Each structure stands twice: as structure tokens, then as C-alpha cells.
């Protein structure tokens, strides 16, 4: 069963770039490529790098930590034998980017206290 969730507007993600969004407590990377919009789990299977910060070329993103190349259509790591990255169907409607996040709703959202703690931890990391 599909569960389409609006994650951003088309203007929020410049061409050949990615942006991190949070859906039900999970980090998702949304990419605007020459072939359209794609969404994948925002964690590289190698060392956990943020794929949304990587370099985009065609339908591939390179992890900013160690240059593992992820095919955005399939989630396959092209230059390593690592496990695939979870991908999400994406559609654009009236300038809004939506993704089918059904897989992210099989687990309950984290309690509010955990989400606040995560946000505070991220702010502390950005200050350091």
C-alpha cells in the first residue's frame, strides 16, 4: 500500500544537488537530477556518510566521505560490494515533491523526547 508524503517543493532542491528530509524519524535524501527527482535512504552503507551532501552526476551520487557511488534508480553501490541503499518512488505534482514512504511507516515514529534529543544533538554537532 502506498503512503505518499510531501517532502519539499521542486525549488528546494537545485538541479544536480540533494537535500536531507526527515520522514517518520528517518533521514531521506532527495535528489534533483537530469533524469528527474529520486529519493534514497540518506545513509551510505560504507561508513554512514550523508548521501544528500554528495556530488550528483546523471543518476548517481558519490558519498562525500569515501566516494562510494550509489545508483539512485536502484540503490546499488556501483564501486563496492556493499548492500544496496533503500530507494523510494517519487512523483512531482504542482511543484511539490512527494515520495512513497510506506516502508518508513512499518515502524512507529520515535517518541517526542527522542526526536527532541536528536535535534538538540544535531545542533550541538553544528556548533562544534
N, C-alpha and C. Protein backbone atom coordinates (compact mmCIF):
# COMPACT_ATOMS: atom_id res chain seq x y z
N UNK A 1 0.83 -1.17 0.00
CA UNK A 1 0.00 0.00 0.00
C UNK A 1 0.88 1.24 0.00
N UNK A 2 0.56 2.20 -0.83
CA UNK A 2 1.34 3.44 -0.93
C UNK A 2 1.00 4.40 0.20
N UNK A 3 1.96 5.22 0.54
CA UNK A 3 1.75 6.29 1.51
C UNK A 3 2.55 7.49 1.03
N UNK A 4 1.94 8.30 0.17
CA UNK A 4 2.63 9.44 -0.43
C UNK A 4 2.72 10.58 0.57
N UNK A 5 3.93 11.10 0.72
CA UNK A 5 4.21 12.16 1.68
C UNK A 5 4.91 13.30 0.94
N UNK A 6 4.41 14.52 1.12
CA UNK A 6 5.09 15.69 0.55
C UNK A 6 6.33 15.97 1.39
N UNK A 7 7.50 16.08 0.71
CA UNK A 7 8.75 16.28 1.44
C UNK A 7 9.39 17.63 1.19
N UNK A 8 9.08 18.26 0.05
CA UNK A 8 9.66 19.57 -0.26
C UNK A 8 9.01 20.09 -1.53
N UNK A 9 9.41 21.28 -1.93
CA UNK A 9 8.98 21.80 -3.22
C UNK A 9 10.12 21.58 -4.22
N UNK A 10 9.79 21.65 -5.49
CA UNK A 10 10.79 21.48 -6.55
C UNK A 10 11.92 22.50 -6.37
N UNK A 11 11.58 23.71 -5.98
CA UNK A 11 12.58 24.77 -5.83
C UNK A 11 13.53 24.54 -4.66
N UNK A 12 13.16 23.67 -3.73
CA UNK A 12 14.01 23.43 -2.55
C UNK A 12 15.28 22.64 -2.89
N UNK A 13 15.28 21.94 -4.03
CA UNK A 13 16.42 21.10 -4.39
C UNK A 13 16.94 21.53 -5.76
N UNK A 14 18.01 22.32 -5.82
CA UNK A 14 18.56 22.75 -7.11
C UNK A 14 19.00 21.56 -7.97
N UNK A 15 19.03 21.77 -9.27
CA UNK A 15 19.45 20.73 -10.22
C UNK A 15 20.83 20.22 -9.86
N UNK A 16 21.01 18.92 -9.90
CA UNK A 16 22.26 18.21 -9.60
C UNK A 16 22.71 18.37 -8.15
N UNK A 17 21.71 18.49 -7.25
CA UNK A 17 22.00 18.54 -5.82
C UNK A 17 21.03 17.66 -5.06
N UNK A 18 21.33 17.46 -3.79
CA UNK A 18 20.46 16.69 -2.91
C UNK A 18 20.16 17.47 -1.66
N UNK A 19 19.09 17.08 -0.97
CA UNK A 19 18.71 17.68 0.30
C UNK A 19 18.23 16.59 1.23
N UNK A 20 18.51 16.74 2.52
CA UNK A 20 18.04 15.80 3.53
C UNK A 20 16.66 16.24 4.02
N UNK A 21 15.75 15.26 4.11
CA UNK A 21 14.45 15.47 4.74
C UNK A 21 14.29 14.37 5.79
N UNK A 22 13.39 14.58 6.72
CA UNK A 22 13.11 13.58 7.75
C UNK A 22 11.67 13.14 7.59
N UNK A 23 11.49 11.83 7.44
CA UNK A 23 10.15 11.25 7.30
C UNK A 23 9.98 10.19 8.38
N UNK A 24 9.04 10.42 9.28
CA UNK A 24 8.76 9.49 10.38
C UNK A 24 10.03 9.14 11.17
N UNK A 25 10.92 10.11 11.33
CA UNK A 25 12.15 9.90 12.09
C UNK A 25 13.31 9.34 11.30
N UNK A 26 13.13 9.09 9.99
CA UNK A 26 14.19 8.54 9.14
C UNK A 26 14.75 9.62 8.23
N UNK A 27 16.09 9.61 8.04
CA UNK A 27 16.73 10.52 7.10
C UNK A 27 16.56 9.99 5.68
N UNK A 28 16.06 10.86 4.80
CA UNK A 28 15.88 10.52 3.39
C UNK A 28 16.56 11.60 2.57
N UNK A 29 17.30 11.20 1.55
CA UNK A 29 17.95 12.15 0.64
C UNK A 29 17.09 12.28 -0.61
N UNK A 30 16.78 13.52 -0.97
CA UNK A 30 16.01 13.81 -2.18
C UNK A 30 16.95 14.48 -3.16
N UNK A 31 16.99 13.97 -4.39
CA UNK A 31 17.90 14.47 -5.41
C UNK A 31 17.14 14.98 -6.63
N UNK A 32 17.63 16.09 -7.20
CA UNK A 32 17.11 16.64 -8.44
C UNK A 32 18.18 16.39 -9.50
N UNK A 33 17.91 15.43 -10.39
CA UNK A 33 18.90 15.04 -11.40
C UNK A 33 18.42 15.43 -12.79
N UNK A 34 19.26 15.20 -13.76
CA UNK A 34 18.89 15.44 -15.16
C UNK A 34 17.72 14.55 -15.58
N UNK A 35 17.57 13.41 -14.91
CA UNK A 35 16.50 12.46 -15.24
C UNK A 35 15.28 12.61 -14.33
N UNK A 36 15.27 13.64 -13.48
CA UNK A 36 14.14 13.86 -12.58
C UNK A 36 14.53 13.72 -11.12
N UNK A 37 13.54 13.60 -10.27
CA UNK A 37 13.75 13.51 -8.83
C UNK A 37 13.86 12.05 -8.39
N UNK A 38 14.74 11.81 -7.40
CA UNK A 38 14.92 10.49 -6.81
C UNK A 38 15.03 10.66 -5.30
N UNK A 39 14.72 9.60 -4.57
CA UNK A 39 14.86 9.62 -3.11
C UNK A 39 15.42 8.29 -2.65
N UNK A 40 16.40 8.36 -1.74
CA UNK A 40 17.03 7.17 -1.17
C UNK A 40 17.26 7.42 0.32
N UNK A 41 17.52 6.34 1.05
CA UNK A 41 17.94 6.48 2.43
C UNK A 41 19.21 7.34 2.45
N UNK A 42 19.30 8.28 3.38
CA UNK A 42 20.40 9.25 3.38
C UNK A 42 21.63 8.76 4.15
N UNK A 43 21.86 7.45 4.18
CA UNK A 43 22.99 6.90 4.91
C UNK A 43 23.75 5.94 4.00
N UNK A 44 25.00 6.26 3.73
CA UNK A 44 25.84 5.38 2.91
C UNK A 44 26.10 4.08 3.66
N UNK A 45 25.98 2.92 2.99
CA UNK A 45 26.20 1.65 3.68
C UNK A 45 27.67 1.39 4.04
N UNK A 46 28.59 2.20 3.53
CA UNK A 46 30.01 2.00 3.83
C UNK A 46 30.34 2.47 5.24
N UNK A 47 30.21 3.78 5.49
CA UNK A 47 30.56 4.34 6.79
C UNK A 47 29.51 5.33 7.30
N UNK A 48 28.32 5.30 6.73
CA UNK A 48 27.23 6.14 7.23
C UNK A 48 27.25 7.58 6.77
N UNK A 49 27.99 7.88 5.73
CA UNK A 49 28.06 9.26 5.24
C UNK A 49 26.71 9.76 4.74
N UNK A 50 26.50 11.08 4.78
CA UNK A 50 25.25 11.68 4.34
C UNK A 50 25.20 11.80 2.81
N UNK A 51 24.48 10.92 2.16
CA UNK A 51 24.43 10.93 0.70
C UNK A 51 23.88 12.24 0.15
N UNK A 52 23.01 12.90 0.90
CA UNK A 52 22.42 14.17 0.43
C UNK A 52 23.48 15.25 0.22
N UNK A 53 24.66 15.09 0.82
CA UNK A 53 25.74 16.06 0.64
C UNK A 53 26.70 15.67 -0.49
N UNK A 54 26.42 14.55 -1.16
CA UNK A 54 27.33 14.05 -2.19
C UNK A 54 27.19 14.74 -3.52
N UNK A 55 28.13 14.45 -4.41
CA UNK A 55 28.13 15.00 -5.77
C UNK A 55 27.21 14.16 -6.65
N UNK A 56 26.34 14.85 -7.42
CA UNK A 56 25.38 14.17 -8.29
C UNK A 56 25.84 14.28 -9.73
N UNK A 57 25.80 13.14 -10.44
CA UNK A 57 26.11 13.10 -11.87
C UNK A 57 25.15 12.11 -12.50
N UNK A 58 24.38 12.57 -13.49
CA UNK A 58 23.36 11.73 -14.13
C UNK A 58 22.42 11.20 -13.05
N UNK A 59 22.36 9.87 -12.84
CA UNK A 59 21.50 9.30 -11.79
C UNK A 59 22.33 8.61 -10.72
N UNK A 60 23.50 9.18 -10.44
CA UNK A 60 24.41 8.63 -9.44
C UNK A 60 24.81 9.72 -8.44
N UNK A 61 24.96 9.33 -7.18
CA UNK A 61 25.51 10.24 -6.18
C UNK A 61 26.75 9.58 -5.58
N UNK A 62 27.78 10.38 -5.34
CA UNK A 62 29.01 9.90 -4.70
C UNK A 62 28.98 10.31 -3.24
N UNK A 63 29.19 9.36 -2.35
CA UNK A 63 29.21 9.66 -0.93
C UNK A 63 30.34 10.66 -0.66
N UNK A 64 30.06 11.71 0.13
CA UNK A 64 31.09 12.71 0.39
C UNK A 64 32.24 12.22 1.28
N UNK A 65 32.08 11.10 1.97
CA UNK A 65 33.15 10.62 2.83
C UNK A 65 34.21 9.83 2.09
N UNK A 66 33.81 8.82 1.30
CA UNK A 66 34.78 7.94 0.67
C UNK A 66 34.45 7.62 -0.78
N UNK A 67 33.62 8.44 -1.41
CA UNK A 67 33.34 8.37 -2.85
C UNK A 67 32.69 7.07 -3.33
N UNK A 68 31.94 6.39 -2.45
CA UNK A 68 31.15 5.25 -2.94
C UNK A 68 30.06 5.82 -3.83
N UNK A 69 29.85 5.21 -4.99
CA UNK A 69 28.88 5.70 -5.96
C UNK A 69 27.58 4.90 -5.86
N UNK A 70 26.48 5.61 -5.62
CA UNK A 70 25.17 4.99 -5.45
C UNK A 70 24.31 5.31 -6.68
N UNK A 71 23.79 4.28 -7.32
CA UNK A 71 22.85 4.46 -8.43
C UNK A 71 21.48 4.78 -7.81
N UNK A 72 20.96 5.96 -8.12
CA UNK A 72 19.74 6.44 -7.48
C UNK A 72 18.49 5.67 -7.92
N UNK A 73 18.50 5.08 -9.09
CA UNK A 73 17.33 4.31 -9.55
C UNK A 73 17.17 3.00 -8.79
N UNK A 74 18.30 2.37 -8.43
CA UNK A 74 18.26 1.02 -7.84
C UNK A 74 18.79 0.95 -6.41
N UNK A 75 19.58 1.95 -6.00
CA UNK A 75 20.23 1.90 -4.69
C UNK A 75 21.51 1.10 -4.68
N UNK A 76 21.91 0.57 -5.82
CA UNK A 76 23.12 -0.25 -5.90
C UNK A 76 24.37 0.59 -5.72
N UNK A 77 25.32 0.07 -4.93
CA UNK A 77 26.63 0.70 -4.79
C UNK A 77 27.46 0.21 -5.97
N UNK A 78 27.84 1.13 -6.86
CA UNK A 78 28.46 0.75 -8.13
C UNK A 78 29.93 0.39 -8.01
N UNK A 79 30.64 0.92 -7.02
CA UNK A 79 32.07 0.67 -6.94
C UNK A 79 32.47 -0.05 -5.65
N UNK A 80 31.58 -0.91 -5.16
CA UNK A 80 31.88 -1.70 -3.97
C UNK A 80 30.84 -2.81 -3.86
N UNK A 81 31.14 -3.83 -3.08
CA UNK A 81 30.20 -4.94 -2.89
C UNK A 81 29.34 -4.75 -1.64
N UNK A 82 28.98 -3.52 -1.34
CA UNK A 82 28.17 -3.22 -0.16
C UNK A 82 26.70 -3.47 -0.45
N UNK A 83 25.91 -3.54 0.62
CA UNK A 83 24.47 -3.72 0.45
C UNK A 83 23.87 -2.48 -0.21
N UNK A 84 22.73 -2.67 -0.85
CA UNK A 84 22.05 -1.57 -1.53
C UNK A 84 21.48 -0.58 -0.54
N UNK A 85 21.18 0.61 -1.05
CA UNK A 85 20.52 1.66 -0.28
C UNK A 85 19.03 1.59 -0.60
N UNK A 86 18.20 1.77 0.40
CA UNK A 86 16.76 1.76 0.21
C UNK A 86 16.35 2.93 -0.69
N UNK A 87 15.54 2.65 -1.70
CA UNK A 87 15.05 3.70 -2.61
C UNK A 87 13.54 3.88 -2.41
N UNK A 88 13.04 5.04 -2.82
CA UNK A 88 11.62 5.35 -2.67
C UNK A 88 11.07 5.88 -3.98
N UNK A 89 9.88 5.44 -4.38
CA UNK A 89 9.24 6.04 -5.55
C UNK A 89 8.98 7.53 -5.29
N UNK A 90 9.16 8.34 -6.32
CA UNK A 90 8.98 9.79 -6.21
C UNK A 90 8.07 10.26 -7.33
N UNK A 91 7.26 11.27 -7.03
CA UNK A 91 6.49 11.93 -8.07
C UNK A 91 6.44 13.42 -7.76
N UNK A 92 6.26 14.21 -8.81
CA UNK A 92 6.15 15.66 -8.67
C UNK A 92 4.76 16.06 -9.11
N UNK A 93 4.06 16.80 -8.25
CA UNK A 93 2.71 17.29 -8.54
C UNK A 93 2.62 18.75 -8.14
N UNK A 94 2.27 19.58 -9.09
CA UNK A 94 2.06 21.01 -8.83
C UNK A 94 3.24 21.64 -8.10
N UNK A 95 4.46 21.29 -8.51
CA UNK A 95 5.65 21.88 -7.92
C UNK A 95 6.03 21.31 -6.57
N UNK A 96 5.35 20.26 -6.14
CA UNK A 96 5.65 19.60 -4.86
C UNK A 96 6.28 18.24 -5.13
N UNK A 97 7.28 17.88 -4.33
CA UNK A 97 7.94 16.57 -4.44
C UNK A 97 7.33 15.66 -3.38
N UNK A 98 6.81 14.53 -3.85
CA UNK A 98 6.22 13.54 -2.94
C UNK A 98 6.96 12.22 -3.08
N UNK A 99 7.08 11.50 -1.96
CA UNK A 99 7.68 10.17 -2.05
C UNK A 99 6.77 9.17 -1.37
N UNK A 100 6.83 7.94 -1.86
CA UNK A 100 6.06 6.86 -1.27
C UNK A 100 6.86 6.34 -0.09
N UNK A 101 6.44 6.73 1.11
CA UNK A 101 7.19 6.42 2.32
C UNK A 101 6.59 5.25 3.09
N UNK A 102 5.83 4.39 2.42
CA UNK A 102 5.17 3.29 3.12
C UNK A 102 6.16 2.46 3.94
N UNK A 103 7.34 2.20 3.40
CA UNK A 103 8.33 1.38 4.11
C UNK A 103 8.78 2.04 5.42
N UNK A 104 8.70 3.36 5.49
CA UNK A 104 9.14 4.07 6.69
C UNK A 104 8.08 4.10 7.78
N UNK A 105 6.89 3.68 7.45
CA UNK A 105 5.81 3.67 8.43
C UNK A 105 5.51 2.28 8.96
N UNK A 106 6.37 1.31 8.69
CA UNK A 106 6.20 -0.02 9.27
C UNK A 106 6.69 -0.02 10.71
N UNK A 107 7.52 0.98 11.06
CA UNK A 107 7.98 1.17 12.43
C UNK A 107 7.29 2.41 12.99
N UNK A 108 6.95 2.41 14.26
CA UNK A 108 6.33 3.61 14.84
C UNK A 108 7.33 4.76 14.89
N UNK A 109 6.81 5.97 14.85
CA UNK A 109 7.67 7.14 14.98
C UNK A 109 8.31 7.13 16.36
N UNK A 110 9.53 7.67 16.48
CA UNK A 110 10.17 7.72 17.80
C UNK A 110 9.37 8.63 18.73
N UNK A 111 9.41 8.34 20.03
CA UNK A 111 8.71 9.23 20.98
C UNK A 111 9.23 10.66 20.86
N UNK A 112 8.40 11.60 21.20
CA UNK A 112 8.75 13.03 21.07
C UNK A 112 10.05 13.35 21.79
N UNK A 113 10.29 12.74 22.96
CA UNK A 113 11.52 13.03 23.70
C UNK A 113 12.76 12.65 22.89
N UNK A 114 12.71 11.52 22.17
CA UNK A 114 13.85 11.10 21.36
C UNK A 114 14.07 12.05 20.19
N UNK A 115 12.98 12.51 19.56
CA UNK A 115 13.13 13.43 18.44
C UNK A 115 13.76 14.74 18.91
N UNK A 116 13.33 15.24 20.06
CA UNK A 116 13.89 16.48 20.59
C UNK A 116 15.37 16.27 20.90
N UNK A 117 15.72 15.12 21.49
CA UNK A 117 17.11 14.83 21.81
C UNK A 117 17.95 14.76 20.54
N UNK A 118 17.42 14.16 19.48
CA UNK A 118 18.15 14.09 18.21
C UNK A 118 18.40 15.48 17.66
N UNK A 119 17.37 16.34 17.70
CA UNK A 119 17.52 17.70 17.17
C UNK A 119 18.54 18.49 17.98
N UNK A 120 18.52 18.35 19.30
CA UNK A 120 19.49 19.04 20.14
C UNK A 120 20.89 18.52 19.83
N UNK A 121 21.05 17.21 19.67
CA UNK A 121 22.35 16.63 19.32
C UNK A 121 22.86 17.16 18.00
N UNK A 122 21.97 17.31 17.01
CA UNK A 122 22.39 17.85 15.71
C UNK A 122 22.84 19.30 15.85
N UNK A 123 22.13 20.09 16.66
CA UNK A 123 22.52 21.49 16.86
C UNK A 123 23.89 21.56 17.51
N UNK A 124 24.16 20.69 18.48
CA UNK A 124 25.46 20.68 19.15
C UNK A 124 26.56 20.31 18.16
N UNK A 125 26.29 19.35 17.27
CA UNK A 125 27.28 18.96 16.26
C UNK A 125 27.58 20.12 15.32
N UNK A 126 26.56 20.89 14.95
CA UNK A 126 26.75 22.00 14.04
C UNK A 126 27.54 23.13 14.69
N UNK A 127 27.47 23.26 16.00
CA UNK A 127 28.19 24.32 16.72
C UNK A 127 29.67 23.97 16.81
N UNK A 128 29.97 22.69 17.01
CA UNK A 128 31.37 22.25 17.21
C UNK A 128 32.22 22.45 15.99
